[in-house]
C-alpha atoms as a PDB file:
ATOM      1  CA  UNK A   1       0.000   0.000   0.000  1.00  0.00           C
ATOM      2  CA  UNK A   2       1.349   3.389  -0.994  1.00  0.00           C
ATOM      3  CA  UNK A   3       1.117   6.232   1.485  1.00  0.00           C
ATOM      4  CA  UNK A   4       0.898   9.765   0.105  1.00  0.00           C
ATOM      5  CA  UNK A   5       1.842  12.901   1.911  1.00  0.00           C
ATOM      6  CA  UNK A   6      -0.923  15.517   1.946  1.00  0.00           C
ATOM      7  CA  UNK A   7       1.539  18.019   0.474  1.00  0.00           C
ATOM      8  CA  UNK A   8       1.972  15.857  -2.641  1.00  0.00           C
ATOM      9  CA  UNK A   9      -1.633  15.465  -3.784  1.00  0.00           C
ATOM     10  CA  UNK A  10      -2.350  15.733  -7.506  1.00  0.00           C
ATOM     11  CA  UNK A  11      -3.171  19.338  -8.423  1.00  0.00           C
ATOM     12  CA  UNK A  12      -6.778  18.647  -9.457  1.00  0.00           C
ATOM     13  CA  UNK A  13      -7.491  16.792  -6.208  1.00  0.00           C
ATOM     14  CA  UNK A  14      -5.834  19.543  -4.184  1.00  0.00           C
ATOM     15  CA  UNK A  15      -7.992  22.179  -5.934  1.00  0.00           C
ATOM     16  CA  UNK A  16     -11.174  20.160  -5.312  1.00  0.00           C
ATOM     17  CA  UNK A  17     -10.452  19.713  -1.613  1.00  0.00           C
ATOM     18  CA  UNK A  18      -9.622  23.412  -1.297  1.00  0.00           C
ATOM     19  CA  UNK A  19     -12.830  24.381  -3.114  1.00  0.00           C
ATOM     20  CA  UNK A  20     -14.961  22.057  -0.947  1.00  0.00           C
ATOM     21  CA  UNK A  21     -13.294  23.289   2.252  1.00  0.00           C
ATOM     22  CA  UNK A  22     -14.021  26.933   1.392  1.00  0.00           C
ATOM     23  CA  UNK A  23     -17.621  26.120   0.467  1.00  0.00           C
ATOM     24  CA  UNK A  24     -17.974  24.392   3.846  1.00  0.00           C
ATOM     25  CA  UNK A  25     -16.623  27.443   5.710  1.00  0.00           C
ATOM     26  CA  UNK A  26     -19.127  29.705   3.935  1.00  0.00           C
ATOM     27  CA  UNK A  27     -21.999  27.298   4.673  1.00  0.00           C
ATOM     28  CA  UNK A  28     -21.121  27.036   8.375  1.00  0.00           C
ATOM     29  CA  UNK A  29     -20.777  30.820   8.649  1.00  0.00           C
ATOM     30  CA  UNK A  30     -24.123  31.344   6.893  1.00  0.00           C
ATOM     31  CA  UNK A  31     -25.881  28.788   9.135  1.00  0.00           C
ATOM     32  CA  UNK A  32     -24.506  30.315  12.335  1.00  0.00           C
ATOM     33  CA  UNK A  33     -25.733  33.733  11.158  1.00  0.00           C
ATOM     34  CA  UNK A  34     -29.404  32.697  11.450  1.00  0.00           C
ATOM     35  CA  UNK A  35     -32.074  32.746  14.139  1.00  0.00           C
ATOM     36  CA  UNK A  36     -32.289  28.955  13.920  1.00  0.00           C
ATOM     37  CA  UNK A  37     -28.622  28.420  14.874  1.00  0.00           C
ATOM     38  CA  UNK A  38     -27.811  31.440  17.092  1.00  0.00           C
ATOM     39  CA  UNK A  39     -29.630  33.112  19.957  1.00  0.00           C
ATOM     40  CA  UNK A  40     -31.318  36.309  18.750  1.00  0.00           C
ATOM     41  CA  UNK A  41     -32.382  39.232  20.912  1.00  0.00           C
ATOM     42  CA  UNK A  42     -31.251  42.260  18.891  1.00  0.00           C
ATOM     43  CA  UNK A  43     -29.559  40.190  16.161  1.00  0.00           C
ATOM     44  CA  UNK A  44     -26.062  41.413  17.048  1.00  0.00           C
ATOM     45  CA  UNK A  45     -24.751  38.005  18.152  1.00  0.00           C
ATOM     46  CA  UNK A  46     -26.066  36.214  15.042  1.00  0.00           C
ATOM     47  CA  UNK A  47     -24.544  39.001  12.919  1.00  0.00           C
ATOM     48  CA  UNK A  48     -21.100  38.771  14.546  1.00  0.00           C
ATOM     49  CA  UNK A  49     -19.737  35.397  13.368  1.00  0.00           C
ATOM     50  CA  UNK A  50     -16.291  35.578  11.786  1.00  0.00           C
ATOM     51  CA  UNK A  51     -14.020  33.056  10.029  1.00  0.00           C
ATOM     52  CA  UNK A  52     -10.265  33.562  10.287  1.00  0.00           C
ATOM     53  CA  UNK A  53      -6.991  31.679  10.648  1.00  0.00           C
ATOM     54  CA  UNK A  54      -6.600  32.357  14.384  1.00  0.00           C
ATOM     55  CA  UNK A  55      -9.030  32.114  17.315  1.00  0.00           C
ATOM     56  CA  UNK A  56     -11.654  34.874  17.229  1.00  0.00           C
ATOM     57  CA  UNK A  57     -11.575  37.202  20.213  1.00  0.00           C
ATOM     58  CA  UNK A  58     -14.991  38.417  21.452  1.00  0.00           C
ATOM     59  CA  UNK A  59     -14.266  42.151  21.751  1.00  0.00           C
ATOM     60  CA  UNK A  60     -17.164  44.020  20.070  1.00  0.00           C
ATOM     61  CA  UNK A  61     -19.653  45.836  22.296  1.00  0.00           C
ATOM     62  CA  UNK A  62     -23.198  46.133  20.954  1.00  0.00           C
ATOM     63  CA  UNK A  63     -23.362  49.807  21.991  1.00  0.00           C
ATOM     64  CA  UNK A  64     -20.857  50.725  19.272  1.00  0.00           C
ATOM     65  CA  UNK A  65     -22.711  49.224  16.290  1.00  0.00           C
ATOM     66  CA  UNK A  66     -25.937  50.359  14.634  1.00  0.00           C
ATOM     67  CA  UNK A  67     -28.716  49.287  14.211  1.00  0.00           C
ATOM     68  CA  UNK A  68     -28.218  46.944  17.200  1.00  0.00           C
ATOM     69  CA  UNK A  69     -27.290  49.727  19.638  1.00  0.00           C
ATOM     70  CA  UNK A  70     -30.555  51.502  18.804  1.00  0.00           C
ATOM     71  CA  UNK A  71     -32.603  48.328  19.241  1.00  0.00           C
ATOM     72  CA  UNK A  72     -31.002  47.640  22.619  1.00  0.00           C
ATOM     73  CA  UNK A  73     -31.488  51.262  23.728  1.00  0.00           C
ATOM     74  CA  UNK A  74     -35.165  51.170  22.706  1.00  0.00           C
ATOM     75  CA  UNK A  75     -35.888  47.968  24.642  1.00  0.00           C
ATOM     76  CA  UNK A  76     -33.856  49.110  27.657  1.00  0.00           C
ATOM     77  CA  UNK A  77     -35.713  52.416  27.770  1.00  0.00           C
ATOM     78  CA  UNK A  78     -39.077  50.633  27.648  1.00  0.00           C
ATOM     79  CA  UNK A  79     -37.962  48.221  30.360  1.00  0.00           C
ATOM     80  CA  UNK A  80     -36.702  50.896  32.761  1.00  0.00           C
ATOM     81  CA  UNK A  81     -39.753  53.108  32.230  1.00  0.00           C
ATOM     82  CA  UNK A  82     -41.964  50.168  33.215  1.00  0.00           C
ATOM     83  CA  UNK A  83     -43.847  50.230  29.913  1.00  0.00           C
ATOM     84  CA  UNK A  84     -42.517  47.014  28.425  1.00  0.00           C
ATOM     85  CA  UNK A  85     -41.129  45.026  31.298  1.00  0.00           C
ATOM     86  CA  UNK A  86     -39.279  41.906  30.114  1.00  0.00           C
ATOM     87  CA  UNK A  87     -40.343  42.369  26.490  1.00  0.00           C
ATOM     88  CA  UNK A  88     -38.208  41.206  23.605  1.00  0.00           C
ATOM     89  CA  UNK A  89     -37.427  43.452  20.650  1.00  0.00           C
ATOM     90  CA  UNK A  90     -39.898  42.956  17.836  1.00  0.00           C
ATOM     91  CA  UNK A  91     -37.389  44.061  15.205  1.00  0.00           C
ATOM     92  CA  UNK A  92     -34.104  42.120  15.570  1.00  0.00           C
ATOM     93  CA  UNK A  93     -31.719  42.626  12.654  1.00  0.00           C
ATOM     94  CA  UNK A  94     -29.494  39.803  11.412  1.00  0.00           C
ATOM     95  CA  UNK A  95     -26.970  41.176   8.953  1.00  0.00           C
ATOM     96  CA  UNK A  96     -23.588  39.396   8.912  1.00  0.00           C
ATOM     97  CA  UNK A  97     -20.871  41.934   9.719  1.00  0.00           C
ATOM     98  CA  UNK A  98     -17.999  39.688   8.608  1.00  0.00           C
ATOM     99  CA  UNK A  99     -18.973  37.904   5.379  1.00  0.00           C
ATOM    100  CA  UNK A 100     -16.474  35.238   4.297  1.00  0.00           C
ATOM    101  CA  UNK A 101     -14.672  36.789   1.341  1.00  0.00           C
ATOM    102  CA  UNK A 102     -11.238  35.201   1.441  1.00  0.00           C
ATOM    103  CA  UNK A 103     -10.145  31.710   0.465  1.00  0.00           C
ATOM    104  CA  UNK A 104      -8.685  29.553   3.225  1.00  0.00           C
ATOM    105  CA  UNK A 105      -5.991  26.905   2.860  1.00  0.00           C
ATOM    106  CA  UNK A 106      -7.355  23.534   3.997  1.00  0.00           C
ATOM    107  CA  UNK A 107      -3.879  22.597   5.233  1.00  0.00           C
ATOM    108  CA  UNK A 108      -4.132  25.247   7.958  1.00  0.00           C
ATOM    109  CA  UNK A 109      -6.684  25.582  10.767  1.00  0.00           C
ATOM    110  CA  UNK A 110      -9.701  27.866  10.342  1.00  0.00           C
ATOM    111  CA  UNK A 111     -11.594  29.249  13.326  1.00  0.00           C
ATOM    112  CA  UNK A 112     -15.216  30.382  13.197  1.00  0.00           C
ATOM    113  CA  UNK A 113     -16.041  32.414  16.272  1.00  0.00           C
ATOM    114  CA  UNK A 114     -18.158  35.299  17.451  1.00  0.00           C
ATOM    115  CA  UNK A 115     -16.944  38.874  17.937  1.00  0.00           C
ATOM    116  CA  UNK A 116     -19.718  39.881  20.391  1.00  0.00           C
ATOM    117  CA  UNK A 117     -18.235  40.761  23.780  1.00  0.00           C
ATOM    118  CA  UNK A 118     -20.986  38.762  25.512  1.00  0.00           C
ATOM    119  CA  UNK A 119     -20.448  35.616  23.364  1.00  0.00           C
ATOM    120  CA  UNK A 120     -19.562  33.501  26.393  1.00  0.00           C
ATOM    121  CA  UNK A 121     -23.042  34.186  27.840  1.00  0.00           C
ATOM    122  CA  UNK A 122     -24.939  33.861  24.550  1.00  0.00           C
ATOM    123  CA  UNK A 123     -23.419  30.417  24.004  1.00  0.00           C
ATOM    124  CA  UNK A 124     -25.053  29.150  27.202  1.00  0.00           C
ATOM    125  CA  UNK A 125     -28.419  28.865  25.426  1.00  0.00           C
ATOM    126  CA  UNK A 126     -27.389  25.729  23.532  1.00  0.00           C
ATOM    127  CA  UNK A 127     -28.420  26.568  19.940  1.00  0.00           C
ATOM    128  CA  UNK A 128     -24.840  26.626  18.675  1.00  0.00           C
ATOM    129  CA  UNK A 129     -23.992  23.399  20.491  1.00  0.00           C
ATOM    130  CA  UNK A 130     -27.048  21.679  18.980  1.00  0.00           C
ATOM    131  CA  UNK A 131     -25.861  22.739  15.528  1.00  0.00           C
ATOM    132  CA  UNK A 132     -22.317  21.481  16.182  1.00  0.00           C
ATOM    133  CA  UNK A 133     -23.499  18.150  17.573  1.00  0.00           C
ATOM    134  CA  UNK A 134     -26.300  17.753  15.044  1.00  0.00           C
ATOM    135  CA  UNK A 135     -26.409  18.938  11.469  1.00  0.00           C
ATOM    136  CA  UNK A 136     -22.801  20.171  11.145  1.00  0.00           C
ATOM    137  CA  UNK A 137     -21.468  16.627  10.716  1.00  0.00           C
ATOM    138  CA  UNK A 138     -23.918  15.974   7.887  1.00  0.00           C
ATOM    139  CA  UNK A 139     -22.985  19.292   6.289  1.00  0.00           C
ATOM    140  CA  UNK A 140     -19.304  18.295   6.380  1.00  0.00           C
ATOM    141  CA  UNK A 141     -20.016  14.877   4.842  1.00  0.00           C
ATOM    142  CA  UNK A 142     -22.140  16.392   2.071  1.00  0.00           C
ATOM    143  CA  UNK A 143     -19.682  19.163   1.238  1.00  0.00           C
ATOM    144  CA  UNK A 144     -16.421  17.264   1.523  1.00  0.00           C
ATOM    145  CA  UNK A 145     -17.418  14.726  -1.113  1.00  0.00           C
ATOM    146  CA  UNK A 146     -14.224  12.665  -1.426  1.00  0.00           C
ATOM    147  CA  UNK A 147     -14.391  10.096   1.354  1.00  0.00           C
ATOM    148  CA  UNK A 148     -11.243   9.329   3.270  1.00  0.00           C
ATOM    149  CA  UNK A 149      -9.377  12.433   2.161  1.00  0.00           C
ATOM    150  CA  UNK A 150      -8.017  15.095   4.475  1.00  0.00           C
ATOM    151  CA  UNK A 151     -10.650  17.679   5.261  1.00  0.00           C
ATOM    152  CA  UNK A 152      -8.567  20.400   6.808  1.00  0.00           C
ATOM    153  CA  UNK A 153      -9.018  21.707  10.327  1.00  0.00           C
ATOM    154  CA  UNK A 154     -12.131  23.664  11.164  1.00  0.00           C
ATOM    155  CA  UNK A 155     -12.771  24.983  14.674  1.00  0.00           C
ATOM    156  CA  UNK A 156     -16.226  26.299  15.627  1.00  0.00           C
ATOM    157  CA  UNK A 157     -16.800  28.308  18.787  1.00  0.00           C
ATOM    158  CA  UNK A 158     -19.282  26.317  20.767  1.00  0.00           C
ATOM    159  CA  UNK A 159     -18.827  26.499  24.471  1.00  0.00           C
ATOM    160  CA  UNK A 160     -17.281  27.891  27.571  1.00  0.00           C
ATOM    161  CA  UNK A 161     -14.121  26.723  29.264  1.00  0.00           C
ATOM    162  CA  UNK A 162     -14.257  26.880  33.024  1.00  0.00           C
ATOM    163  CA  UNK A 163     -11.531  28.654  34.900  1.00  0.00           C
ATOM    164  CA  UNK A 164      -9.598  27.029  37.672  1.00  0.00           C
ATOM    165  CA  UNK A 165      -7.037  28.609  39.951  1.00  0.00           C
ATOM    166  CA  UNK A 166      -5.139  31.251  38.025  1.00  0.00           C
ATOM    167  CA  UNK A 167      -6.645  30.194  34.661  1.00  0.00           C
ATOM    168  CA  UNK A 168      -9.612  32.360  33.684  1.00  0.00           C
ATOM    169  CA  UNK A 169     -12.690  31.034  31.928  1.00  0.00           C
ATOM    170  CA  UNK A 170     -13.101  31.673  28.220  1.00  0.00           C
ATOM    171  CA  UNK A 171     -14.459  30.485  24.909  1.00  0.00           C
ATOM    172  CA  UNK A 172     -14.049  26.878  23.775  1.00  0.00           C
ATOM    173  CA  UNK A 173     -13.729  25.606  20.201  1.00  0.00           C
ATOM    174  CA  UNK A 174     -14.761  22.249  18.762  1.00  0.00           C
ATOM    175  CA  UNK A 175     -12.452  20.801  16.106  1.00  0.00           C
ATOM    176  CA  UNK A 176     -13.752  19.112  12.951  1.00  0.00           C
END
């Protein structure tokens, strides 16, 4: 039996794997940017998924981005005035802020994470985890058509890591 190094694949096979891998990244990003796969209050979290070659840091505060800042302000004002206690916004906006425009190399890891500062709390709801444990595997099998071939490394933000001692808690990634 002949063993081939992943770096020495025939050019047409290499191009096909690369094409499939990039299609998969776009599909995963698009799925996470929906109400079905992400928790939605204002739509900011569902709009803040990003694919890149390093772990995504959740640094963006909703108050700095329109229209989500306005939606949050409107609901907060209604809540604190007593008019709409515990009401949800009736106009959430899901508009991906970081569309996947670049091509990724399947031989290097790709991370899909959320830029929302409160991502660690939004992930507690379980929608993202259900997607990762459920339909994501099928999506990978359908997109990466050549069975038994290297698929690249894809990491999807899907949980919280607990802190212990001097290690602080943070965001966890699941590798595919």
